Amino acid sequence: KPSGSFIQQYKISSREEEVINYLINGLSNKEIGEKMFISLSTVKTHVHNIYEKTHTGSRFKLIKLLNSSSY
């Protein structure tokens, strides 16, 4: 789970935080959509926004950033 300081630093919304939690647990976009009861398109939008805010472009880079932020 991302730390509070990570959430604040990157201005992550509560829905984006939920998506991040699923991403770090290895769920696919489709699985995240099913868990959150949102469309695949909405999941992709959240993931894109997360990548934009954190200046990462992949799940690997996002997880690496989270680990370096002591999540």
PDB file of N, CA and C in Angstrom:
ATOM      1  N   LYS A   1       0.852  -1.186   0.000  1.00  0.00           N
ATOM      2  CA  LYS A   1       0.000   0.000   0.000  1.00  0.00           C
ATOM      3  C   LYS A   1       0.888   1.236   0.000  1.00  0.00           C
ATOM      4  N   PRO A   2       0.587   2.196  -0.873  1.00  0.00           N
ATOM      5  CA  PRO A   2       1.405   3.415  -0.922  1.00  0.00           C
ATOM      6  C   PRO A   2       1.310   4.199   0.393  1.00  0.00           C
ATOM      7  N   SER A   3       2.404   4.816   0.781  1.00  0.00           N
ATOM      8  CA  SER A   3       2.425   5.607   2.016  1.00  0.00           C
ATOM      9  C   SER A   3       1.623   6.891   1.825  1.00  0.00           C
ATOM     10  N   GLY A   4       1.222   7.470   2.942  1.00  0.00           N
ATOM     11  CA  GLY A   4       0.496   8.734   2.901  1.00  0.00           C
ATOM     12  C   GLY A   4       1.314   9.829   2.245  1.00  0.00           C
ATOM     13  N   SER A   5       2.624   9.821   2.509  1.00  0.00           N
ATOM     14  CA  SER A   5       3.473  10.854   1.913  1.00  0.00           C
ATOM     15  C   SER A   5       3.561  10.680   0.394  1.00  0.00           C
ATOM     16  N   PHE A   6       3.582   9.422  -0.077  1.00  0.00           N
ATOM     17  CA  PHE A   6       3.584   9.151  -1.520  1.00  0.00           C
ATOM     18  C   PHE A   6       2.292   9.693  -2.138  1.00  0.00           C
ATOM     19  N   ILE A   7       1.166   9.396  -1.502  1.00  0.00           N
ATOM     20  CA  ILE A   7      -0.147   9.835  -1.986  1.00  0.00           C
ATOM     21  C   ILE A   7      -0.185  11.362  -2.077  1.00  0.00           C
ATOM     22  N   GLN A   8       0.304  12.029  -1.038  1.00  0.00           N
ATOM     23  CA  GLN A   8       0.311  13.493  -1.022  1.00  0.00           C
ATOM     24  C   GLN A   8       1.279  14.072  -2.048  1.00  0.00           C
ATOM     25  N   GLN A   9       2.486  13.514  -2.098  1.00  0.00           N
ATOM     26  CA  GLN A   9       3.517  14.044  -2.996  1.00  0.00           C
ATOM     27  C   GLN A   9       3.064  14.028  -4.452  1.00  0.00           C
ATOM     28  N   TYR A  10       2.410  12.928  -4.849  1.00  0.00           N
ATOM     29  CA  TYR A  10       2.012  12.781  -6.254  1.00  0.00           C
ATOM     30  C   TYR A  10       0.538  13.107  -6.503  1.00  0.00           C
ATOM     31  N   LYS A  11      -0.146  13.603  -5.457  1.00  0.00           N
ATOM     32  CA  LYS A  11      -1.558  14.002  -5.571  1.00  0.00           C
ATOM     33  C   LYS A  11      -2.417  12.877  -6.146  1.00  0.00           C
ATOM     34  N   ILE A  12      -2.265  11.692  -5.547  1.00  0.00           N
ATOM     35  CA  ILE A  12      -2.994  10.500  -5.974  1.00  0.00           C
ATOM     36  C   ILE A  12      -4.391  10.520  -5.360  1.00  0.00           C
ATOM     37  N   SER A  13      -5.416  10.348  -6.198  1.00  0.00           N
ATOM     38  CA  SER A  13      -6.796  10.313  -5.698  1.00  0.00           C
ATOM     39  C   SER A  13      -7.055   8.974  -5.003  1.00  0.00           C
ATOM     40  N   SER A  14      -8.159   8.910  -4.274  1.00  0.00           N
ATOM     41  CA  SER A  14      -8.489   7.665  -3.565  1.00  0.00           C
ATOM     42  C   SER A  14      -8.733   6.520  -4.549  1.00  0.00           C
ATOM     43  N   ARG A  15      -9.340   6.801  -5.693  1.00  0.00           N
ATOM     44  CA  ARG A  15      -9.574   5.760  -6.700  1.00  0.00           C
ATOM     45  C   ARG A  15      -8.249   5.314  -7.324  1.00  0.00           C
ATOM     46  N   GLU A  16      -7.353   6.267  -7.561  1.00  0.00           N
ATOM     47  CA  GLU A  16      -6.042   5.918  -8.101  1.00  0.00           C
ATOM     48  C   GLU A  16      -5.258   5.090  -7.093  1.00  0.00           C
ATOM     49  N   GLU A  17      -5.398   5.413  -5.826  1.00  0.00           N
ATOM     50  CA  GLU A  17      -4.730   4.626  -4.783  1.00  0.00           C
ATOM     51  C   GLU A  17      -5.238   3.187  -4.798  1.00  0.00           C
ATOM     52  N   GLU A  18      -6.536   3.034  -4.986  1.00  0.00           N
ATOM     53  CA  GLU A  18      -7.137   1.705  -5.071  1.00  0.00           C
ATOM     54  C   GLU A  18      -6.559   0.936  -6.266  1.00  0.00           C
ATOM     55  N   VAL A  19      -6.438   1.615  -7.404  1.00  0.00           N
ATOM     56  CA  VAL A  19      -5.853   0.992  -8.598  1.00  0.00           C
ATOM     57  C   VAL A  19      -4.403   0.587  -8.321  1.00  0.00           C
ATOM     58  N   ILE A  20      -3.627   1.468  -7.690  1.00  0.00           N
ATOM     59  CA  ILE A  20      -2.237   1.150  -7.361  1.00  0.00           C
ATOM     60  C   ILE A  20      -2.160  -0.104  -6.500  1.00  0.00           C
ATOM     61  N   ASN A  21      -3.038  -0.214  -5.517  1.00  0.00           N
ATOM     62  CA  ASN A  21      -3.025  -1.396  -4.651  1.00  0.00           C
ATOM     63  C   ASN A  21      -3.250  -2.675  -5.452  1.00  0.00           C
ATOM     64  N   TYR A  22      -4.137  -2.616  -6.430  1.00  0.00           N
ATOM     65  CA  TYR A  22      -4.365  -3.786  -7.280  1.00  0.00           C
ATOM     66  C   TYR A  22      -3.181  -4.034  -8.212  1.00  0.00           C
ATOM     67  N   LEU A  23      -2.599  -2.946  -8.746  1.00  0.00           N
ATOM     68  CA  LEU A  23      -1.446  -3.093  -9.637  1.00  0.00           C
ATOM     69  C   LEU A  23      -0.285  -3.792  -8.933  1.00  0.00           C
ATOM     70  N   ILE A  24       0.012  -3.371  -7.700  1.00  0.00           N
ATOM     71  CA  ILE A  24       1.159  -3.945  -6.996  1.00  0.00           C
ATOM     72  C   ILE A  24       0.902  -5.386  -6.568  1.00  0.00           C
ATOM     73  N   ASN A  25      -0.369  -5.792  -6.620  1.00  0.00           N
ATOM     74  CA  ASN A  25      -0.694  -7.183  -6.339  1.00  0.00           C
ATOM     75  C   ASN A  25      -0.796  -8.018  -7.607  1.00  0.00           C
ATOM     76  N   GLY A  26      -0.401  -7.416  -8.736  1.00  0.00           N
ATOM     77  CA  GLY A  26      -0.285  -8.170  -9.976  1.00  0.00           C
ATOM     78  C   GLY A  26      -1.556  -8.352 -10.780  1.00  0.00           C
ATOM     79  N   LEU A  27      -2.619  -7.620 -10.462  1.00  0.00           N
ATOM     80  CA  LEU A  27      -3.857  -7.770 -11.217  1.00  0.00           C
ATOM     81  C   LEU A  27      -3.758  -7.078 -12.572  1.00  0.00           C
ATOM     82  N   SER A  28      -4.411  -7.657 -13.555  1.00  0.00           N
ATOM     83  CA  SER A  28      -4.475  -7.055 -14.891  1.00  0.00           C
ATOM     84  C   SER A  28      -5.496  -5.922 -14.868  1.00  0.00           C
ATOM     85  N   ASN A  29      -5.469  -5.097 -15.895  1.00  0.00           N
ATOM     86  CA  ASN A  29      -6.460  -4.023 -15.996  1.00  0.00           C
ATOM     87  C   ASN A  29      -7.871  -4.575 -15.970  1.00  0.00           C
ATOM     88  N   LYS A  30      -8.094  -5.679 -16.665  1.00  0.00           N
ATOM     89  CA  LYS A  30      -9.416  -6.306 -16.708  1.00  0.00           C
ATOM     90  C   LYS A  30      -9.846  -6.744 -15.311  1.00  0.00           C
ATOM     91  N   GLU A  31      -8.928  -7.371 -14.575  1.00  0.00           N
ATOM     92  CA  GLU A  31      -9.239  -7.824 -13.214  1.00  0.00           C
ATOM     93  C   GLU A  31      -9.511  -6.644 -12.280  1.00  0.00           C
ATOM     94  N   ILE A  32      -8.751  -5.565 -12.460  1.00  0.00           N
ATOM     95  CA  ILE A  32      -8.969  -4.367 -11.637  1.00  0.00           C
ATOM     96  C   ILE A  32     -10.362  -3.810 -11.902  1.00  0.00           C
ATOM     97  N   GLY A  33     -10.743  -3.739 -13.167  1.00  0.00           N
ATOM     98  CA  GLY A  33     -12.078  -3.259 -13.527  1.00  0.00           C
ATOM     99  C   GLY A  33     -13.166  -4.093 -12.875  1.00  0.00           C
ATOM    100  N   GLU A  34     -12.997  -5.402 -12.884  1.00  0.00           N
ATOM    101  CA  GLU A  34     -13.985  -6.293 -12.279  1.00  0.00           C
ATOM    102  C   GLU A  34     -14.060  -6.070 -10.766  1.00  0.00           C
ATOM    103  N   LYS A  35     -12.928  -5.909 -10.116  1.00  0.00           N
ATOM    104  CA  LYS A  35     -12.896  -5.699  -8.660  1.00  0.00           C
ATOM    105  C   LYS A  35     -13.517  -4.359  -8.265  1.00  0.00           C
ATOM    106  N   MET A  36     -13.271  -3.330  -9.095  1.00  0.00           N
ATOM    107  CA  MET A  36     -13.734  -1.977  -8.765  1.00  0.00           C
ATOM    108  C   MET A  36     -15.090  -1.648  -9.396  1.00  0.00           C
ATOM    109  N   PHE A  37     -15.633  -2.569 -10.190  1.00  0.00           N
ATOM    110  CA  PHE A  37     -16.904  -2.365 -10.871  1.00  0.00           C
ATOM    111  C   PHE A  37     -16.858  -1.142 -11.795  1.00  0.00           C
ATOM    112  N   ILE A  38     -15.742  -1.040 -12.545  1.00  0.00           N
ATOM    113  CA  ILE A  38     -15.581   0.040 -13.519  1.00  0.00           C
ATOM    114  C   ILE A  38     -15.157  -0.572 -14.854  1.00  0.00           C
ATOM    115  N   SER A  39     -15.320   0.197 -15.926  1.00  0.00           N
ATOM    116  CA  SER A  39     -14.983  -0.322 -17.249  1.00  0.00           C
ATOM    117  C   SER A  39     -13.466  -0.403 -17.430  1.00  0.00           C
ATOM    118  N   LEU A  40     -13.065  -1.212 -18.386  1.00  0.00           N
ATOM    119  CA  LEU A  40     -11.651  -1.342 -18.729  1.00  0.00           C
ATOM    120  C   LEU A  40     -11.093   0.015 -19.146  1.00  0.00           C
ATOM    121  N   SER A  41     -11.878   0.779 -19.880  1.00  0.00           N
ATOM    122  CA  SER A  41     -11.466   2.108 -20.314  1.00  0.00           C
ATOM    123  C   SER A  41     -11.174   3.016 -19.115  1.00  0.00           C
ATOM    124  N   THR A  42     -12.007   2.940 -18.097  1.00  0.00           N
ATOM    125  CA  THR A  42     -11.805   3.756 -16.891  1.00  0.00           C
ATOM    126  C   THR A  42     -10.545   3.323 -16.163  1.00  0.00           C
ATOM    127  N   VAL A  43     -10.304   2.019 -16.091  1.00  0.00           N
ATOM    128  CA  VAL A  43      -9.075   1.518 -15.458  1.00  0.00           C
ATOM    129  C   VAL A  43      -7.867   2.087 -16.199  1.00  0.00           C
ATOM    130  N   LYS A  44      -7.905   2.007 -17.528  1.00  0.00           N
ATOM    131  CA  LYS A  44      -6.786   2.506 -18.332  1.00  0.00           C
ATOM    132  C   LYS A  44      -6.562   3.994 -18.096  1.00  0.00           C
ATOM    133  N   THR A  45      -7.637   4.741 -17.934  1.00  0.00           N
ATOM    134  CA  THR A  45      -7.527   6.177 -17.650  1.00  0.00           C
ATOM    135  C   THR A  45      -6.849   6.398 -16.308  1.00  0.00           C
ATOM    136  N   HIS A  46      -7.276   5.646 -15.284  1.00  0.00           N
ATOM    137  CA  HIS A  46      -6.651   5.768 -13.964  1.00  0.00           C
ATOM    138  C   HIS A  46      -5.161   5.422 -14.035  1.00  0.00           C
ATOM    139  N   VAL A  47      -4.826   4.327 -14.711  1.00  0.00           N
ATOM    140  CA  VAL A  47      -3.428   3.896 -14.824  1.00  0.00           C
ATOM    141  C   VAL A  47      -2.616   4.978 -15.543  1.00  0.00           C
ATOM    142  N   HIS A  48      -3.164   5.498 -16.634  1.00  0.00           N
ATOM    143  CA  HIS A  48      -2.488   6.566 -17.375  1.00  0.00           C
ATOM    144  C   HIS A  48      -2.240   7.778 -16.468  1.00  0.00           C
ATOM    145  N   ASN A  49      -3.254   8.173 -15.725  1.00  0.00           N
ATOM    146  CA  ASN A  49      -3.113   9.332 -14.831  1.00  0.00           C
ATOM    147  C   ASN A  49      -2.067   9.076 -13.751  1.00  0.00           C
ATOM    148  N   ILE A  50      -2.025   7.870 -13.232  1.00  0.00           N
ATOM    149  CA  ILE A  50      -1.023   7.499 -12.228  1.00  0.00           C
ATOM    150  C   ILE A  50       0.372   7.619 -12.827  1.00  0.00           C
ATOM    151  N   TYR A  51       0.548   7.086 -14.032  1.00  0.00           N
ATOM    152  CA  TYR A  51       1.850   7.158 -14.699  1.00  0.00           C
ATOM    153  C   TYR A  51       2.252   8.611 -14.954  1.00  0.00           C
ATOM    154  N   GLU A  52       1.285   9.442 -15.363  1.00  0.00           N
ATOM    155  CA  GLU A  52       1.565  10.857 -15.613  1.00  0.00           C
ATOM    156  C   GLU A  52       2.008  11.553 -14.324  1.00  0.00           C
ATOM    157  N   LYS A  53       1.265  11.343 -13.257  1.00  0.00           N
ATOM    158  CA  LYS A  53       1.555  12.013 -11.984  1.00  0.00           C
ATOM    159  C   LYS A  53       2.893  11.586 -11.396  1.00  0.00           C
ATOM    160  N   THR A  54       3.245  10.313 -11.578  1.00  0.00           N
ATOM    161  CA  THR A  54       4.466   9.780 -10.962  1.00  0.00           C
ATOM    162  C   THR A  54       5.653   9.780 -11.925  1.00  0.00           C
ATOM    163  N   HIS A  55       5.428  10.193 -13.166  1.00  0.00           N
ATOM    164  CA  HIS A  55       6.477  10.211 -14.199  1.00  0.00           C
ATOM    165  C   HIS A  55       7.070   8.815 -14.409  1.00  0.00           C
ATOM    166  N   THR A  56       6.206   7.822 -14.330  1.00  0.00           N
ATOM    167  CA  THR A  56       6.597   6.449 -14.644  1.00  0.00           C
ATOM    168  C   THR A  56       5.823   6.060 -15.896  1.00  0.00           C
ATOM    169  N   GLY A  57       6.225   5.012 -16.554  1.00  0.00           N
ATOM    170  CA  GLY A  57       5.515   4.630 -17.767  1.00  0.00           C
ATOM    171  C   GLY A  57       5.164   3.157 -17.792  1.00  0.00           C
ATOM    172  N   SER A  58       5.420   2.502 -16.661  1.00  0.00           N
ATOM    173  CA  SER A  58       5.131   1.072 -16.615  1.00  0.00           C
ATOM    174  C   SER A  58       4.872   0.660 -15.172  1.00  0.00           C
ATOM    175  N   ARG A  59       4.269  -0.502 -15.028  1.00  0.00           N
ATOM    176  CA  ARG A  59       4.022  -1.047 -13.682  1.00  0.00           C
ATOM    177  C   ARG A  59       5.340  -1.266 -12.959  1.00  0.00           C
ATOM    178  N   PHE A  60       6.331  -1.768 -13.689  1.00  0.00           N
ATOM    179  CA  PHE A  60       7.643  -2.034 -13.091  1.00  0.00           C
ATOM    180  C   PHE A  60       8.226  -0.749 -12.500  1.00  0.00           C
ATOM    181  N   LYS A  61       8.210   0.332 -13.278  1.00  0.00           N
ATOM    182  CA  LYS A  61       8.774   1.602 -12.809  1.00  0.00           C
ATOM    183  C   LYS A  61       7.960   2.172 -11.647  1.00  0.00           C
ATOM    184  N   LEU A  62       6.642   2.003 -11.704  1.00  0.00           N
ATOM    185  CA  LEU A  62       5.793   2.477 -10.614  1.00  0.00           C
ATOM    186  C   LEU A  62       6.120   1.728  -9.318  1.00  0.00           C
ATOM    187  N   ILE A  63       6.231   0.415  -9.409  1.00  0.00           N
ATOM    188  CA  ILE A  63       6.543  -0.400  -8.225  1.00  0.00           C
ATOM    189  C   ILE A  63       7.934  -0.055  -7.695  1.00  0.00           C
ATOM    190  N   LYS A  64       8.874   0.162  -8.600  1.00  0.00           N
ATOM    191  CA  LYS A  64      10.217   0.564  -8.191  1.00  0.00           C
ATOM    192  C   LYS A  64      10.179   1.896  -7.429  1.00  0.00           C
ATOM    193  N   LEU A  65       9.385   2.849  -7.938  1.00  0.00           N
ATOM    194  CA  LEU A  65       9.225   4.135  -7.276  1.00  0.00           C
ATOM    195  C   LEU A  65       8.581   3.959  -5.901  1.00  0.00           C
ATOM    196  N   LEU A  66       7.538   3.137  -5.841  1.00  0.00           N
ATOM    197  CA  LEU A  66       6.870   2.877  -4.567  1.00  0.00           C
ATOM    198  C   LEU A  66       7.839   2.267  -3.560  1.00  0.00           C
ATOM    199  N   ASN A  67       8.651   1.325  -4.011  1.00  0.00           N
ATOM    200  CA  ASN A  67       9.620   0.688  -3.115  1.00  0.00           C
ATOM    201  C   ASN A  67      10.655   1.695  -2.616  1.00  0.00           C
ATOM    202  N   SER A  68      11.082   2.598  -3.473  1.00  0.00           N
ATOM    203  CA  SER A  68      12.061   3.591  -3.056  1.00  0.00           C
ATOM    204  C   SER A  68      11.439   4.643  -2.144  1.00  0.00           C
ATOM    205  N   SER A  69      10.105   4.730  -2.163  1.00  0.00           N
ATOM    206  CA  SER A  69       9.401   5.670  -1.288  1.00  0.00           C
ATOM    207  C   SER A  69       8.960   4.991  -0.002  1.00  0.00           C
ATOM    208  N   SER A  70       9.502   3.802   0.252  1.00  0.00           N
ATOM    209  CA  SER A  70       9.181   2.982   1.430  1.00  0.00           C
ATOM    210  C   SER A  70       7.690   2.803   1.621  1.00  0.00           C
ATOM    211  N   TYR A  71       7.051   2.252   0.585  1.00  0.00           N
ATOM    212  CA  TYR A  71       5.603   2.036   0.647  1.00  0.00           C
ATOM    213  C   TYR A  71       5.247   0.888   1.542  1.00  0.00           C
TER     214      TYR A  71
END
